[in-house]
Structures are given as structure tokens and as C-alpha cells.
Amino acid sequence: MPPRTESWSHLPPELLVTIADHHSTSLDVLRLRSICQSWRNSVSRDRPGDSSIWSLRIPFPVVDPLDLIIEGRYSLTKSSVCYLVEPERGQGWLVKIEESGPGRLRALDPVSTVKLGGFPKVLNLVDWRVLEIARSFSLGFSDVKKENLSIDETRYLAPKKVAVSSADGNVESGGMVMGIFEGGSLLHIRAGDEKWGNSREWQLERIYSDVAFWKDRFYAMDAEGNLVILDRSLNVEDCPWSGIPQDSREQKYLVEASGFLYLVVNKNLSLRLFYSDDSVVGCVSDEDEVSRIWFEVFCFREAEKDWVQVYSLGELAFFVADDCSFSVVADDCPPYKRSCIYYSDYDVGDSSLQASCRVFDLEKSYSQTQPDCGDNSTLFCPPSLISV
């Protein structure tokens, strides 16, 4: 007689609650509750002590060009970049899912943070396969209303990029948050601290472009291509850029992929410099024509503490944005293409300044704009709001 097997739907409620307690985000709990009706009834949607949001006491100003003195808190919010697949159709989308309220999740374009639209507001996750690709963090004003701040105040107080020393965002037990603020200042704060801190050792009037937490250390890239590595004790290791100098006006992104750290440089400039023996010998302006967009990619060599340029991403596709950059294996996530870089840009011909998705083929050195959702593009067009 074959052994009797029980249905997963018959798991004891107390065991389901224990399982749910090991999930650190509302999205994880939402997916758990979507398995079946009995699981949904056994697991509460509201999780006490949800670590995806953490309020910090921040004494303003963080930077003080305007002599800002504003009392307030930031809330730390975690977003998940997910690949949603409809099994029956085999159709997939990448989407950034951000919690916008109790039991409600906002779907955003993963490379521009623009709210996605065009689909039903309710999505039954039982009918979808959800693969989490990456996590990102942001700091928003918690007890200071944004509308009460001037444009300059908002710009100086809102961080451009945030990195957290914990994959799940739980920084309550000695964790650290690092942020890049207006002007490229790199600041840090630990759980329980009353002030953001910096250090002249790594500051030195540098302008930082990106910061990431990789292999238990923070990696901060400045505008000229110099890398600063900081451990949890803020011990500093400086890795100056070698080779042809990097232009400080070019946007730089750090991307983790397949166990390596990459630097992606967006070289969309109207002014090009030419070098001879590492010295600038001339320049050309493209002000009378549309600037050509291209990217360069470098892989970090940990032992040598330097970068080597790569001309192909192989099976990978990169996605770069100010608040979150990540990679996918292209064959596992159609319709995204291998050795391509996906990024957003603003259409200067559109008075609404709507962000559009663009793709750069690294092997062919070719960039193009993707169709928008109105043309049934399958890049970033899932439902605009997921609710349970």
C-alpha cells in the first residue's frame, strides 16, 4: 500500500504562522498567503515588527548650503524587483514592487520608478510565478510633509541613493545605512545614532555617484571613477582609478552580477574629450546634433583592486537606475536580451517629461528606445497596483 500523502493545504495553522514569521517583507507574506484559501486564512496580512520600514531620527540639515534646520524622521522602505510570469502564456515582466500602505503594493518601472499603468488593479498571485531578482531601499520623509518643503529643501534633504548593510533591511541590531545626498556627499548612520556621520578620510571633497553593499562591505564610487571600500567599522580602503581618466559628468552605476561587481558608465555627453598618453589634447562639441549614447562596462578585480573593461555581458542583461541597479540571466527572463543594458531617459520632445526605457547593446554599441505600454511592449508593463 503506497504511503499516504497529505495536501500542503492541510498544514497546521501554527506551523504556517511559524513559516510566515521567517519572512521579512510584506511581499513575501503576500505570496505565502496566495498559495491557497487555508493558508490565506491562517496567516495574517499584517506582520508585527515588519523590518522593511525603519524610522530614523535625523537632525536636519544633513547638508547645509541653505542653513536648513528642520526636525524630522526618515522612513526606510524596501522595494523588491520581481519577475512576474503568467504560466499559461509564458509571459513575463520585470517590475519594482513597493509597499504603499497596509495590504497595498505599488508597481513601478524598475529603471525609472514611474508608476506603471494599463493593467487591472488586482492581480491574483496564485495565477502567477513570482521570482525576486533584487532589493533596493529608499528614504522618505516620515513626519515632515513634502509639500511643506521648498524645492531646494526637498532636493537637499532627499538622498539620491541608499545602501543598507542587511539584505532584508533589518538594521536594528548594529546595522548601518549609507546615503548619497545632494552634491555627492556620502553619509552614514547606525541604528540608534542621533546624527548622520561622515569622514574626511573618504570625503576629501569627493562627489559620489553610487554606493552598494557587496560581500559584507560598502563600495562607494566617486564621479571620477575612484572606489572607496568601507567595512562595518568604517575602515577605509582606497582604490584610485587607473588608466584614461573618467569624466566626472558621466553617470556611474555599480551592478552586482554572478558574484562580481561591475561598473557601468553612461557616456551620454555633448562634450567629448580626446586623450594622448593620458593627457587631454582636444575636445569636440556635439551641441548642434543629438549626442550619441553609449556605455562602457568594467569588472572589478578584488585581488588587484582595479577594473578591467569588458565588451560583452555574456548571458546577462543589466538594468541601471539611480536608486537600484541589478542583473538577470536573459534566457531565464524573456523578453530581455543578453549583453544589453536597460536604462531610462527623459524624452525631451515630450512636455510631460515621461521617462522612457532605452536599451544599449554592449556588443553592437547600439542604443534604441523601446516602445511604450501603448504599443503592447512587454518590458515593464504589469498591473499598476497589486492588492489583497
Protein backbone atom coordinates (compact mmCIF):
# COMPACT_ATOMS: atom_id res chain seq x y z
CA MET A 1 0.00 0.00 0.00
CA PRO A 2 1.56 3.33 -1.06
CA PRO A 3 2.32 5.81 1.74
CA ARG A 4 -0.34 8.38 2.40
CA THR A 5 0.50 11.92 1.38
CA GLU A 6 -1.13 14.98 2.82
CA SER A 7 -2.04 18.08 0.86
CA TRP A 8 0.02 21.20 1.53
CA SER A 9 -3.27 22.94 2.25
CA HIS A 10 -3.63 20.79 5.38
CA LEU A 11 -0.54 22.12 7.17
CA PRO A 12 -1.34 23.03 10.80
CA PRO A 13 -2.09 26.75 11.22
CA GLU A 14 0.56 27.12 13.95
CA LEU A 15 3.21 25.78 11.55
CA LEU A 16 2.11 28.25 8.86
CA VAL A 17 2.41 31.12 11.33
CA THR A 18 5.95 29.99 12.19
CA ILE A 19 6.83 29.89 8.49
CA ALA A 20 5.36 33.35 7.97
CA ASP A 21 7.41 34.73 10.86
CA HIS A 22 10.57 33.88 8.90
CA HIS A 23 9.52 36.12 6.01
CA SER A 24 10.82 39.64 6.41
CA THR A 25 8.74 41.55 3.87
CA SER A 26 5.06 42.11 3.23
CA LEU A 27 5.57 40.85 -0.31
CA ASP A 28 6.87 37.51 0.96
CA VAL A 29 3.88 37.15 3.28
CA LEU A 30 1.53 38.14 0.48
CA ARG A 31 2.96 35.40 -1.74
CA LEU A 32 2.65 32.88 1.09
CA ARG A 33 -0.99 33.77 1.63
CA SER A 34 -1.65 33.39 -2.09
CA ILE A 35 -0.97 29.64 -2.11
CA CYS A 36 -4.47 28.54 -1.11
CA GLN A 37 -7.52 29.55 0.90
CA SER A 38 -6.49 27.70 4.07
CA TRP A 39 -3.05 29.37 4.08
CA ARG A 40 -4.70 32.72 3.49
CA ASN A 41 -7.00 32.22 6.47
CA SER A 42 -4.17 31.05 8.76
CA VAL A 43 -1.64 33.80 8.09
CA SER A 44 -2.34 37.42 8.94
CA ARG A 45 -1.58 40.00 6.29
CA ASP A 46 -0.26 42.46 8.87
CA ARG A 47 3.11 41.41 10.25
CA PRO A 48 4.20 42.90 13.59
CA GLY A 49 7.69 44.34 13.57
CA ASP A 50 7.92 44.41 9.77
CA SER A 51 11.59 45.21 9.16
CA SER A 52 11.03 46.73 5.71
CA ILE A 53 10.28 50.12 7.28
CA TRP A 54 12.52 51.68 9.93
CA SER A 55 12.16 55.23 11.18
CA LEU A 56 15.34 57.16 11.91
CA ARG A 57 15.69 60.34 13.91
CA ILE A 58 17.50 62.69 11.56
CA PRO A 59 18.69 66.11 12.77
CA PHE A 60 18.42 68.33 9.73
CA PRO A 61 20.29 69.65 7.92
CA VAL A 62 22.06 66.64 6.52
CA VAL A 63 23.81 69.08 4.21
CA ASP A 64 23.58 72.76 4.96
CA PRO A 65 24.07 75.01 1.93
CA LEU A 66 20.71 76.58 2.80
CA ASP A 67 21.21 76.59 6.58
CA LEU A 68 18.30 74.16 6.87
CA ILE A 69 17.10 73.44 10.38
CA ILE A 70 14.18 71.03 10.15
CA GLU A 71 13.32 68.38 12.70
CA GLY A 72 12.04 65.16 11.23
CA ARG A 73 12.40 61.47 10.52
CA TYR A 74 13.12 59.37 7.50
CA SER A 75 11.32 56.09 6.92
CA LEU A 76 13.38 53.31 5.37
CA THR A 77 11.35 51.37 2.83
CA LYS A 78 12.39 48.24 1.00
CA SER A 79 11.30 47.54 -2.56
CA SER A 80 11.63 44.25 -4.44
CA VAL A 81 12.38 43.92 -8.14
CA CYS A 82 10.42 40.88 -9.28
CA TYR A 83 9.96 38.92 -12.48
CA LEU A 84 6.27 38.08 -12.82
CA VAL A 85 5.39 35.17 -15.09
CA GLU A 86 1.94 34.13 -16.20
CA PRO A 87 2.44 30.34 -16.57
CA GLU A 88 -0.32 29.75 -19.10
CA ARG A 89 1.04 32.33 -21.52
CA GLY A 90 4.70 32.19 -20.55
CA GLN A 91 4.59 35.96 -20.48
CA GLY A 92 6.92 37.76 -18.09
CA TRP A 93 7.60 41.27 -16.81
CA LEU A 94 10.11 42.90 -14.54
CA VAL A 95 8.54 45.24 -12.01
CA LYS A 96 9.60 47.02 -8.86
CA ILE A 97 7.08 46.40 -6.07
CA GLU A 98 6.99 48.99 -3.31
CA GLU A 99 4.71 48.95 -0.29
CA SER A 100 2.43 52.00 -0.41
CA GLY A 101 0.19 51.18 2.56
CA PRO A 102 -1.18 48.31 4.65
CA GLY A 103 -2.00 45.47 2.29
CA ARG A 104 -1.27 47.54 -0.80
CA LEU A 105 1.71 47.36 -3.10
CA ARG A 106 2.65 49.80 -5.84
CA ALA A 107 4.10 48.57 -9.12
CA LEU A 108 6.85 50.80 -10.51
CA ASP A 109 9.03 50.83 -13.57
CA PRO A 110 12.28 49.26 -12.25
CA VAL A 111 14.57 51.69 -14.10
CA SER A 112 12.69 54.95 -13.60
CA THR A 113 10.37 54.43 -10.56
CA VAL A 114 7.47 55.76 -12.67
CA LYS A 115 4.16 54.23 -11.63
CA LEU A 116 3.04 51.62 -14.14
CA GLY A 117 -0.45 51.62 -15.58
CA GLY A 118 -2.61 49.97 -18.21
CA PHE A 119 -3.50 46.76 -16.38
CA PRO A 120 -6.14 45.75 -13.80
CA LYS A 121 -5.56 46.95 -10.28
CA VAL A 122 -5.99 43.49 -8.75
CA LEU A 123 -3.66 40.61 -9.57
CA ASN A 124 -4.24 37.08 -8.26
CA LEU A 125 -0.76 35.88 -7.36
CA VAL A 126 -1.97 32.27 -7.32
CA ASP A 127 -2.05 32.52 -11.10
CA TRP A 128 1.47 33.94 -11.37
CA ARG A 129 5.00 32.78 -10.70
CA VAL A 130 7.00 35.43 -8.81
CA LEU A 131 10.80 35.46 -8.88
CA GLU A 132 12.54 38.07 -6.73
CA ILE A 133 15.55 39.50 -8.59
CA ALA A 134 16.86 42.29 -6.37
CA ARG A 135 16.05 44.51 -3.40
CA SER A 136 16.51 48.22 -3.03
CA PHE A 137 15.99 50.81 -0.31
CA SER A 138 14.83 54.39 -0.16
CA LEU A 139 14.44 57.07 2.48
CA GLY A 140 11.30 59.15 2.51
CA PHE A 141 10.08 61.88 4.83
CA SER A 142 8.14 60.30 7.66
CA ASP A 143 6.85 63.12 9.84
CA VAL A 144 7.68 66.11 7.65
CA LYS A 145 5.25 66.70 4.82
CA LYS A 146 6.99 67.08 1.48
CA GLU A 147 4.53 69.75 0.37
CA ASN A 148 5.65 71.90 3.30
CA LEU A 149 9.22 71.96 2.00
CA SER A 150 10.58 74.15 -0.76
CA ILE A 151 12.00 72.61 -3.91
CA ASP A 152 15.54 73.36 -2.72
CA GLU A 153 14.86 71.88 0.71
CA THR A 154 13.45 68.71 -0.78
CA ARG A 155 16.39 68.35 -3.15
CA TYR A 156 18.99 68.77 -0.41
CA LEU A 157 17.26 66.55 2.15
CA ALA A 158 16.25 63.63 -0.07
CA PRO A 159 19.08 61.10 -0.60
CA LYS A 160 19.91 60.16 -4.19
CA LYS A 161 20.94 56.59 -3.33
CA VAL A 162 20.71 54.40 -0.22
CA ALA A 163 22.62 51.22 0.66
CA VAL A 164 21.93 49.08 3.73
CA SER A 165 24.20 46.56 5.48
CA SER A 166 21.45 43.93 5.52
CA ALA A 167 19.74 42.10 2.69
CA ASP A 168 16.35 42.30 4.40
CA GLY A 169 16.72 45.88 5.59
CA ASN A 170 16.82 44.96 9.27
CA VAL A 171 19.32 47.40 10.74
CA GLU A 172 18.03 47.41 14.29
CA SER A 173 20.92 45.26 15.60
CA GLY A 174 24.04 47.22 14.70
CA GLY A 175 23.23 47.72 11.04
CA MET A 176 24.22 50.73 9.00
CA VAL A 177 22.67 52.89 6.30
CA MET A 178 24.75 54.86 3.80
CA GLY A 179 23.29 57.54 1.58
CA ILE A 180 24.43 59.85 -1.20
CA PHE A 181 22.93 63.31 -0.84
CA GLU A 182 22.76 66.43 -2.99
CA GLY A 183 26.20 67.43 -4.16
CA GLY A 184 27.51 63.87 -3.94
CA SER A 185 28.09 63.78 -0.17
CA LEU A 186 28.43 60.27 1.28
CA LEU A 187 26.96 60.00 4.79
CA HIS A 188 26.25 57.11 7.15
CA ILE A 189 24.12 56.37 10.19
CA ARG A 190 23.80 53.38 12.52
CA ALA A 191 20.75 52.15 14.37
CA GLY A 192 20.34 54.28 17.46
CA ASP A 193 22.53 57.16 16.23
CA GLU A 194 21.17 60.68 16.52
CA LYS A 195 23.26 62.11 13.68
CA TRP A 196 24.42 61.24 10.21
CA GLY A 197 28.19 60.96 10.10
CA ASN A 198 30.90 61.33 7.51
CA SER A 199 34.67 61.11 7.48
CA ARG A 200 37.25 63.36 5.93
CA GLU A 201 39.23 60.21 5.23
CA TRP A 202 36.86 59.23 2.43
CA GLN A 203 35.13 62.55 1.81
CA LEU A 204 38.02 64.82 0.71
CA GLU A 205 35.62 66.98 -1.33
CA ARG A 206 34.72 64.00 -3.49
CA ILE A 207 31.46 63.83 -5.39
CA TYR A 208 29.98 60.34 -5.16
CA SER A 209 27.88 58.75 -7.90
CA ASP A 210 26.83 55.40 -6.42
CA VAL A 211 27.12 53.21 -3.33
CA ALA A 212 26.40 49.50 -2.91
CA PHE A 213 26.69 46.87 -0.19
CA TRP A 214 28.50 43.81 -1.57
CA LYS A 215 30.26 40.94 0.20
CA ASP A 216 29.69 42.48 3.62
CA ARG A 217 31.28 45.81 2.73
CA PHE A 218 30.20 49.15 1.31
CA TYR A 219 31.57 50.15 -2.10
CA ALA A 220 31.30 53.83 -3.00
CA MET A 221 32.17 55.14 -6.47
CA ASP A 222 33.03 58.79 -6.93
CA ALA A 223 32.41 60.83 -10.05
CA GLU A 224 35.98 60.42 -11.30
CA GLY A 225 35.98 56.62 -11.06
CA ASN A 226 37.79 56.23 -7.74
CA LEU A 227 36.45 53.47 -5.50
CA VAL A 228 36.26 53.61 -1.71
CA ILE A 229 35.68 50.36 0.23
CA LEU A 230 34.39 50.55 3.80
CA ASP A 231 33.76 47.75 6.25
CA ARG A 232 31.21 47.84 9.08
CA SER A 233 33.76 49.54 11.34
CA LEU A 234 34.29 52.22 8.66
CA ASN A 235 37.87 51.14 7.97
CA VAL A 236 38.71 52.59 4.57
CA GLU A 237 40.46 51.09 1.57
CA ASP A 238 41.00 53.47 -1.35
CA CYS A 239 41.21 52.14 -4.93
CA PRO A 240 42.15 55.03 -7.26
CA TRP A 241 41.14 54.79 -10.89
CA SER A 242 43.92 53.75 -13.27
CA GLY A 243 44.09 54.36 -17.00
CA ILE A 244 42.33 57.05 -19.02
CA PRO A 245 40.70 59.48 -16.59
CA GLN A 246 36.95 59.17 -16.14
CA ASP A 247 34.84 62.24 -16.87
CA SER A 248 33.13 63.45 -13.70
CA ARG A 249 29.98 64.37 -15.65
CA GLU A 250 29.30 60.79 -16.71
CA GLN A 251 26.78 58.83 -14.66
CA LYS A 252 28.25 55.76 -12.98
CA TYR A 253 26.41 52.72 -11.63
CA LEU A 254 27.60 49.76 -9.54
CA VAL A 255 25.98 46.45 -10.51
CA GLU A 256 26.36 43.09 -8.79
CA ALA A 257 26.17 40.14 -11.18
CA SER A 258 27.12 36.47 -10.87
CA GLY A 259 29.32 37.10 -7.84
CA PHE A 260 31.21 40.02 -9.43
CA LEU A 261 30.96 43.78 -9.08
CA TYR A 262 30.65 45.81 -12.28
CA LEU A 263 30.88 49.50 -13.06
CA VAL A 264 28.57 50.78 -15.80
CA VAL A 265 29.41 54.22 -17.20
CA ASN A 266 26.81 56.16 -19.18
CA LYS A 267 28.82 58.26 -21.60
CA ASN A 268 25.98 60.45 -22.84
CA LEU A 269 27.78 63.78 -23.12
CA SER A 270 27.62 66.70 -25.52
CA LEU A 271 31.33 67.34 -24.96
CA ARG A 272 33.88 64.67 -25.78
CA LEU A 273 37.50 64.75 -24.67
CA PHE A 274 40.37 63.13 -26.54
CA TYR A 275 43.48 61.83 -24.85
CA SER A 276 47.08 61.13 -25.77
CA ASP A 277 49.31 59.46 -23.20
CA ASP A 278 46.62 60.10 -20.56
CA SER A 279 46.63 63.86 -21.31
CA VAL A 280 43.75 65.85 -22.74
CA VAL A 281 44.72 67.09 -26.21
CA GLY A 282 41.41 68.30 -27.58
CA CYS A 283 37.64 68.16 -27.47
CA VAL A 284 34.64 68.22 -29.78
CA SER A 285 31.16 69.55 -29.08
CA ASP A 286 28.00 67.83 -30.31
CA GLU A 287 25.78 70.75 -29.42
CA ASP A 288 24.44 71.04 -33.00
CA GLU A 289 23.35 67.39 -33.16
CA VAL A 290 21.87 64.75 -30.91
CA SER A 291 24.55 63.32 -28.64
CA ARG A 292 25.38 59.69 -29.22
CA ILE A 293 24.63 57.48 -26.25
CA TRP A 294 26.91 54.62 -25.38
CA PHE A 295 28.04 52.71 -22.33
CA GLU A 296 31.28 51.25 -21.06
CA VAL A 297 31.39 48.37 -18.57
CA PHE A 298 34.22 47.41 -16.21
CA CYS A 299 34.60 44.39 -13.91
CA PHE A 300 36.24 44.81 -10.51
CA ARG A 301 39.19 42.52 -9.76
CA GLU A 302 39.25 42.04 -5.99
CA ALA A 303 42.84 40.79 -5.73
CA GLU A 304 44.33 43.54 -7.88
CA LYS A 305 41.89 46.21 -6.63
CA ASP A 306 41.40 47.56 -10.13
CA TRP A 307 38.95 47.47 -13.02
CA VAL A 308 39.15 45.72 -16.38
CA GLN A 309 36.91 46.73 -19.26
CA VAL A 310 34.56 44.12 -20.69
CA TYR A 311 32.91 44.26 -24.11
CA SER A 312 30.20 41.67 -23.59
CA LEU A 313 27.91 40.71 -20.72
CA GLY A 314 27.56 37.16 -21.99
CA GLU A 315 24.23 35.70 -20.89
CA LEU A 316 23.46 38.64 -18.62
CA ALA A 317 21.35 41.75 -19.05
CA PHE A 318 21.96 44.81 -16.85
CA PHE A 319 19.38 47.28 -15.57
CA VAL A 320 20.72 50.58 -14.23
CA ALA A 321 18.91 53.32 -12.30
CA ASP A 322 19.73 55.91 -9.68
CA ASP A 323 18.09 54.01 -6.84
CA CYS A 324 18.63 50.38 -7.89
CA SER A 325 20.81 48.55 -10.42
CA PHE A 326 20.66 44.79 -10.96
CA SER A 327 21.21 41.97 -13.45
CA VAL A 328 19.28 38.98 -14.81
CA VAL A 329 20.12 35.93 -16.89
CA ALA A 330 18.42 36.96 -20.12
CA ASP A 331 17.36 33.46 -21.22
CA ASP A 332 15.57 32.98 -17.88
CA CYS A 333 13.69 36.28 -18.19
CA PRO A 334 12.33 36.81 -21.68
CA PRO A 335 11.87 39.24 -23.45
CA TYR A 336 15.08 40.78 -22.09
CA LYS A 337 18.15 40.30 -24.27
CA ARG A 338 21.65 39.12 -23.44
CA SER A 339 24.54 41.58 -23.28
CA CYS A 340 22.16 44.55 -23.19
CA ILE A 341 21.89 47.43 -20.74
CA TYR A 342 18.41 48.73 -19.92
CA TYR A 343 18.08 52.27 -18.61
CA SER A 344 15.65 55.18 -18.55
CA ASP A 345 15.85 58.54 -20.19
CA TYR A 346 13.57 61.51 -20.47
CA ASP A 347 12.06 62.27 -23.84
CA VAL A 348 12.99 65.92 -24.35
CA GLY A 349 10.34 66.18 -27.04
CA ASP A 350 7.60 65.31 -24.58
CA SER A 351 6.37 68.23 -22.50
CA SER A 352 5.28 65.82 -19.77
CA LEU A 353 8.90 64.59 -19.39
CA GLN A 354 7.69 60.99 -19.31
CA ALA A 355 10.55 58.58 -18.71
CA SER A 356 11.09 56.03 -21.44
CA CYS A 357 13.01 52.77 -21.43
CA ARG A 358 16.07 52.52 -23.64
CA VAL A 359 18.32 49.59 -24.44
CA PHE A 360 22.00 49.60 -25.27
CA ASP A 361 23.52 46.54 -26.92
CA LEU A 362 27.03 46.39 -25.49
CA GLU A 363 28.39 44.06 -28.17
CA LYS A 364 26.99 46.13 -31.06
CA SER A 365 27.42 49.54 -29.35
CA TYR A 366 23.90 50.44 -30.37
CA SER A 367 21.13 52.15 -28.39
CA GLN A 368 17.41 52.34 -29.09
CA THR A 369 14.20 53.43 -27.41
CA GLN A 370 11.69 50.72 -26.53
CA PRO A 371 8.00 51.01 -27.37
CA ASP A 372 5.79 52.22 -24.54
CA CYS A 373 2.93 50.30 -22.97
CA GLY A 374 0.52 51.64 -25.54
CA ASP A 375 2.36 49.60 -28.17
CA ASN A 376 1.97 46.46 -26.05
CA SER A 377 5.60 46.41 -25.02
CA THR A 378 6.34 43.51 -22.66
CA LEU A 379 9.27 45.17 -20.91
CA PHE A 380 7.80 46.94 -17.89
CA CYS A 381 4.05 46.79 -18.15
CA PRO A 382 2.49 44.65 -15.42
CA PRO A 383 -0.55 45.76 -13.39
CA SER A 384 -0.18 49.16 -11.76
CA LEU A 385 -1.34 48.06 -8.33
CA ILE A 386 -1.33 44.68 -6.59
CA SER A 387 -3.84 44.32 -3.79
CA VAL A 388 -5.08 41.58 -1.47
